[in-house]
Amino acid sequence: MAGTICLTFHFDAVSLYPGMFGVTSPSTASRGEFGARVGVPRILDLLRREDIPATFFVPGLTVDTFPEVCKAIRDQGHEFAHHGYRHVSPVPMTEQEEREELLRGIDAMERHLDGYRPYGYCSPASDLSPNSIRLLREEGFVYDATMCANDFSPYWCREGDKLGTDGSITFGQTVPLVSLPFSWTLDDFPQMELVLSSSLTLEGNRDPKVCERMWLEDMDFMSKEVPDGVFVMCFHPQVIGRGARIRVVENMIRKGRELGFEFTTCLDAAQQWKAANPFPEA
């Protein structure tokens, strides 16, 4: 398997603010609307020009709120992947609540996108509950893009990890669900966005060129040290689609091509890795 770059776009739109941050003001909601009305069209234009496939992790609420924008993404042939329904962490949920959130997100895509079925998942807030991996397997998912136990090499997920408050650690059983590694350092939101809420403060607004240099250096590292790796870059349309920030994506595409990487969807990357690394049956 040759080195692969997956450009992913977390199309949270408005759902992010009441769901994750507990903010419901109209001015805050307008930031998410920018992502739908301006950011996504700019991103789609760029991906079309460069002939690049991408993966859009989309909460079901975004599909219900902006179905016409989601249809434009689908019509261009990009992958839709699951990102919850309301963009809330599954960690405090009961198993039944988490299952309902998962099914509700699937239903939104099936209703608005002519039966489209997602096979990839990234948890809102990038955090999983003790039930998440099992529920994903029960619902037929192929990969998760939430965990961080590697940086550029996919691996098999585990079920049943337990971390005790007394410091005890028990690793669970390896299961046939691909983990595409996630990293907050390859996420534009904490780097570039300012969010003030009662639950969380993000002091972003970093220079996009500083972020670009950091991301390109990681890409260069992978080309030298993990040449068959998978580089999963996490963008948000309301962040990277604003003004000149879109140039960062253009420069990453150019650099990736210079390094000889293939650009694929996350699902294609996961399937390719599975084919090269069959699950070790007991």
Protein backbone atom coordinates (compact mmCIF):
# COMPACT_ATOMS: atom_id res chain seq x y z
CA MET A 1 0.00 0.00 0.00
CA ALA A 2 1.50 3.32 -1.08
CA GLY A 3 1.40 6.37 1.15
CA THR A 4 -2.05 7.90 1.31
CA ILE A 5 -3.50 11.28 2.21
CA CYS A 6 -7.12 11.53 3.33
CA LEU A 7 -8.50 15.05 3.30
CA THR A 8 -11.43 15.03 5.70
CA PHE A 9 -13.91 17.80 6.37
CA HIS A 10 -15.96 17.80 9.56
CA PHE A 11 -19.10 19.49 8.30
CA ASP A 12 -20.48 20.32 11.74
CA ALA A 13 -22.19 23.55 10.62
CA VAL A 14 -24.48 24.89 13.35
CA SER A 15 -24.72 21.60 15.30
CA LEU A 16 -21.32 22.12 16.91
CA TYR A 17 -22.32 25.09 19.07
CA PRO A 18 -25.39 23.89 21.00
CA GLY A 19 -24.15 20.29 20.93
CA MET A 20 -20.55 20.58 22.09
CA PHE A 21 -20.26 24.08 23.50
CA GLY A 22 -23.76 24.69 24.84
CA VAL A 23 -23.97 28.03 23.00
CA THR A 24 -27.26 28.96 21.32
CA SER A 25 -26.87 32.61 20.31
CA PRO A 26 -27.79 33.55 16.71
CA SER A 27 -24.41 35.18 16.14
CA THR A 28 -22.63 31.96 17.08
CA ALA A 29 -24.95 29.91 14.90
CA SER A 30 -24.02 32.12 11.96
CA ARG A 31 -20.45 30.83 12.14
CA GLY A 32 -21.74 27.34 11.40
CA GLU A 33 -23.96 28.69 8.64
CA PHE A 34 -20.89 30.23 7.02
CA GLY A 35 -19.43 26.74 6.78
CA ALA A 36 -22.50 25.51 4.89
CA ARG A 37 -23.19 28.51 2.67
CA VAL A 38 -19.64 29.65 1.88
CA GLY A 39 -17.04 27.18 3.16
CA VAL A 40 -18.36 24.00 1.57
CA PRO A 41 -18.83 25.53 -1.92
CA ARG A 42 -15.26 26.85 -1.83
CA ILE A 43 -13.97 23.45 -0.78
CA LEU A 44 -15.99 21.64 -3.45
CA ASP A 45 -14.67 24.02 -6.12
CA LEU A 46 -11.10 23.28 -5.04
CA LEU A 47 -11.60 19.51 -4.89
CA ARG A 48 -13.22 19.59 -8.33
CA ARG A 49 -10.36 21.58 -9.84
CA GLU A 50 -7.76 19.28 -8.32
CA ASP A 51 -9.75 16.08 -8.98
CA ILE A 52 -9.38 15.02 -5.34
CA PRO A 53 -11.81 12.69 -3.50
CA ALA A 54 -12.48 13.58 0.13
CA THR A 55 -14.40 12.35 3.17
CA PHE A 56 -17.01 14.52 4.86
CA PHE A 57 -17.81 13.57 8.47
CA VAL A 58 -21.31 14.95 8.88
CA PRO A 59 -23.64 15.03 11.90
CA GLY A 60 -27.17 13.97 11.07
CA LEU A 61 -28.43 17.36 12.22
CA THR A 62 -26.33 19.01 9.50
CA VAL A 63 -27.90 16.73 6.89
CA ASP A 64 -31.37 17.63 8.16
CA THR A 65 -30.55 21.35 8.27
CA PHE A 66 -28.63 21.74 5.01
CA PRO A 67 -29.79 18.86 2.77
CA GLU A 68 -29.14 20.79 -0.45
CA VAL A 69 -25.49 21.37 0.51
CA CYS A 70 -25.08 17.70 1.44
CA LYS A 71 -26.57 16.65 -1.91
CA ALA A 72 -23.97 18.82 -3.67
CA ILE A 73 -21.23 16.98 -1.78
CA ARG A 74 -22.75 13.63 -2.68
CA ASP A 75 -23.20 14.59 -6.33
CA GLN A 76 -19.49 15.33 -6.57
CA GLY A 77 -18.76 11.76 -5.44
CA HIS A 78 -17.25 12.35 -1.99
CA GLU A 79 -17.63 9.98 0.93
CA PHE A 80 -20.09 10.74 3.71
CA ALA A 81 -19.11 9.39 7.13
CA HIS A 82 -20.94 9.44 10.47
CA HIS A 83 -20.27 12.18 13.03
CA GLY A 84 -23.11 11.65 15.48
CA TYR A 85 -26.48 13.29 15.12
CA ARG A 86 -26.35 16.36 17.41
CA HIS A 87 -22.53 16.60 17.66
CA VAL A 88 -22.45 15.57 21.31
CA SER A 89 -19.95 13.24 22.95
CA PRO A 90 -21.19 9.66 23.48
CA VAL A 91 -19.16 9.27 26.67
CA PRO A 92 -21.91 10.25 29.16
CA MET A 93 -24.65 8.44 27.20
CA THR A 94 -26.26 5.16 28.16
CA GLU A 95 -25.82 2.36 25.65
CA GLN A 96 -29.38 2.85 24.40
CA GLU A 97 -28.92 6.61 24.04
CA GLU A 98 -25.72 6.13 22.06
CA ARG A 99 -27.35 3.54 19.80
CA GLU A 100 -30.27 5.90 19.12
CA GLU A 101 -27.85 8.74 18.29
CA LEU A 102 -25.99 6.45 15.90
CA LEU A 103 -29.15 5.23 14.17
CA ARG A 104 -30.57 8.73 13.97
CA GLY A 105 -27.48 9.93 12.11
CA ILE A 106 -27.69 7.01 9.68
CA ASP A 107 -31.39 7.71 9.11
CA ALA A 108 -30.74 11.35 8.21
CA MET A 109 -28.34 10.33 5.46
CA GLU A 110 -30.62 7.61 4.15
CA ARG A 111 -33.61 10.00 4.01
CA HIS A 112 -31.90 12.92 2.31
CA LEU A 113 -29.23 11.19 0.23
CA ASP A 114 -31.21 8.50 -1.58
CA GLY A 115 -30.42 5.69 0.83
CA TYR A 116 -26.75 6.55 1.31
CA ARG A 117 -25.22 4.36 4.04
CA PRO A 118 -22.10 5.57 5.91
CA TYR A 119 -19.40 3.03 6.77
CA GLY A 120 -16.98 5.32 8.61
CA TYR A 121 -17.29 7.08 11.94
CA CYS A 122 -15.52 9.80 13.90
CA SER A 123 -16.98 10.67 17.27
CA PRO A 124 -18.01 14.24 18.06
CA ALA A 125 -15.37 15.67 20.41
CA SER A 126 -13.22 12.72 19.27
CA ASP A 127 -14.07 10.64 22.31
CA LEU A 128 -15.58 7.17 22.59
CA SER A 129 -17.66 5.48 25.26
CA PRO A 130 -17.01 1.92 26.49
CA ASN A 131 -19.81 0.82 24.13
CA SER A 132 -18.83 2.72 20.98
CA ILE A 133 -16.65 0.18 19.17
CA ARG A 134 -19.11 -2.66 19.77
CA LEU A 135 -22.02 -0.55 18.52
CA LEU A 136 -20.10 0.44 15.39
CA ARG A 137 -19.38 -3.22 14.64
CA GLU A 138 -23.01 -4.21 15.26
CA GLU A 139 -24.13 -1.54 12.76
CA GLY A 140 -21.72 -2.71 10.07
CA PHE A 141 -19.13 0.08 10.12
CA VAL A 142 -15.76 -0.53 8.46
CA TYR A 143 -13.58 2.02 10.26
CA ASP A 144 -13.37 4.48 13.12
CA ALA A 145 -11.30 7.68 12.87
CA THR A 146 -11.31 8.73 16.52
CA MET A 147 -8.43 7.04 18.34
CA CYS A 148 -4.81 8.09 18.62
CA ALA A 149 -2.64 5.02 19.35
CA ASN A 150 -0.61 5.63 16.20
CA ASP A 151 0.04 8.65 14.05
CA PHE A 152 0.25 7.45 10.44
CA SER A 153 -0.33 3.68 10.58
CA PRO A 154 -3.85 2.20 10.72
CA TYR A 155 -4.47 -0.61 13.19
CA TRP A 156 -7.26 -2.84 14.48
CA CYS A 157 -9.53 -1.39 17.15
CA ARG A 158 -10.02 -2.94 20.57
CA GLU A 159 -13.20 -3.57 22.52
CA GLY A 160 -13.36 -3.56 26.30
CA ASP A 161 -10.45 -1.33 27.35
CA LYS A 162 -10.87 -0.39 31.02
CA LEU A 163 -9.11 2.40 32.89
CA GLY A 164 -9.81 2.39 36.60
CA THR A 165 -9.81 5.44 38.83
CA ASP A 166 -7.27 3.53 40.96
CA GLY A 167 -4.82 3.61 38.04
CA SER A 168 -5.49 0.09 36.79
CA ILE A 169 -5.39 -0.43 33.03
CA THR A 170 -6.87 -3.43 31.20
CA PHE A 171 -6.61 -3.69 27.43
CA GLY A 172 -9.54 -5.38 25.72
CA GLN A 173 -9.87 -7.68 22.72
CA THR A 174 -8.74 -6.75 19.22
CA VAL A 175 -11.69 -6.66 16.83
CA PRO A 176 -12.13 -6.37 13.04
CA LEU A 177 -12.79 -2.63 12.85
CA VAL A 178 -10.09 -0.49 11.28
CA SER A 179 -8.75 2.47 13.23
CA LEU A 180 -7.59 5.36 11.06
CA PRO A 181 -5.47 7.43 13.47
CA PHE A 182 -6.70 10.82 14.62
CA SER A 183 -4.61 13.65 16.09
CA TRP A 184 -5.65 17.02 17.47
CA THR A 185 -2.45 18.40 15.94
CA LEU A 186 -3.88 17.61 12.48
CA ASP A 187 -7.15 19.42 13.24
CA ASP A 188 -7.68 23.02 12.16
CA PHE A 189 -10.41 23.93 14.69
CA PRO A 190 -8.36 24.12 17.91
CA GLN A 191 -5.57 25.81 15.99
CA MET A 192 -7.55 28.58 14.31
CA GLU A 193 -10.90 29.15 16.05
CA LEU A 194 -11.77 31.29 19.05
CA VAL A 195 -14.63 29.89 21.14
CA LEU A 196 -15.84 31.30 24.44
CA SER A 197 -18.42 29.28 26.35
CA SER A 198 -19.23 28.24 29.89
CA SER A 199 -17.95 24.72 29.23
CA LEU A 200 -14.85 25.30 27.10
CA THR A 201 -12.60 28.07 25.85
CA LEU A 202 -10.50 27.75 22.69
CA GLU A 203 -7.96 30.47 22.06
CA GLY A 204 -7.24 29.78 18.42
CA ASN A 205 -6.71 32.41 15.74
CA ARG A 206 -3.20 31.20 14.96
CA ASP A 207 -1.51 32.29 11.78
CA PRO A 208 -2.63 29.79 9.08
CA LYS A 209 0.91 29.72 7.69
CA VAL A 210 2.19 28.48 11.05
CA CYS A 211 -0.37 25.67 10.97
CA GLU A 212 0.43 24.89 7.34
CA ARG A 213 4.13 24.59 8.12
CA MET A 214 3.41 22.20 11.00
CA TRP A 215 1.15 20.03 8.84
CA LEU A 216 3.56 19.96 5.90
CA GLU A 217 6.42 18.97 8.21
CA ASP A 218 4.34 16.02 9.45
CA MET A 219 3.59 15.09 5.84
CA ASP A 220 7.29 15.21 5.03
CA PHE A 221 8.03 13.06 8.10
CA MET A 222 5.55 10.43 6.96
CA SER A 223 7.08 10.34 3.49
CA LYS A 224 10.50 9.54 4.99
CA GLU A 225 9.65 7.42 8.02
CA VAL A 226 6.26 5.81 7.24
CA PRO A 227 6.14 5.72 3.43
CA ASP A 228 3.11 3.40 3.42
CA GLY A 229 1.27 5.47 6.02
CA VAL A 230 -2.11 7.17 6.00
CA PHE A 231 -2.16 10.92 6.69
CA VAL A 232 -5.64 11.89 7.93
CA MET A 233 -6.06 15.67 7.88
CA CYS A 234 -9.08 17.10 9.71
CA PHE A 235 -10.52 20.35 8.35
CA HIS A 236 -13.78 22.18 9.13
CA PRO A 237 -15.52 24.13 6.35
CA GLN A 238 -16.30 27.02 8.70
CA VAL A 239 -12.59 27.24 9.59
CA ILE A 240 -10.52 26.40 6.54
CA GLY A 241 -13.11 27.78 4.12
CA ARG A 242 -12.79 31.34 5.42
CA GLY A 243 -10.84 33.70 3.18
CA ALA A 244 -7.25 32.92 2.35
CA ARG A 245 -7.17 29.89 4.64
CA ILE A 246 -8.34 27.77 1.69
CA ARG A 247 -4.83 28.27 0.27
CA VAL A 248 -3.58 25.96 3.01
CA VAL A 249 -5.53 23.09 1.46
CA GLU A 250 -4.18 23.97 -1.99
CA ASN A 251 -0.60 23.91 -0.70
CA MET A 252 -1.10 20.59 1.08
CA ILE A 253 -2.44 19.05 -2.12
CA ARG A 254 0.55 20.34 -4.06
CA LYS A 255 3.02 19.07 -1.45
CA GLY A 256 1.33 15.67 -1.25
CA ARG A 257 1.60 15.24 -4.99
CA GLU A 258 5.25 16.28 -4.95
CA LEU A 259 5.88 13.54 -2.38
CA GLY A 260 4.09 10.96 -4.53
CA PHE A 261 1.16 10.30 -2.21
CA GLU A 262 -2.23 9.07 -3.36
CA PHE A 263 -5.33 11.00 -2.31
CA THR A 264 -8.25 8.76 -1.32
CA THR A 265 -11.35 8.73 0.83
CA CYS A 266 -11.05 7.29 4.32
CA LEU A 267 -13.19 4.32 3.31
CA ASP A 268 -10.88 3.48 0.42
CA ALA A 269 -7.82 3.84 2.66
CA ALA A 270 -9.38 1.54 5.27
CA GLN A 271 -10.36 -1.05 2.68
CA GLN A 272 -6.87 -0.99 1.15
CA TRP A 273 -5.29 -1.45 4.56
CA LYS A 274 -7.65 -4.32 5.38
CA ALA A 275 -6.74 -6.07 2.14
CA ALA A 276 -3.04 -5.82 2.97
CA ASN A 277 -3.47 -6.70 6.67
CA PRO A 278 -6.07 -9.46 7.11
CA PHE A 279 -7.57 -9.64 10.56
CA PRO A 280 -5.74 -12.28 12.66
CA GLU A 281 -8.55 -14.74 13.38
CA ALA A 282 -8.17 -16.74 16.60
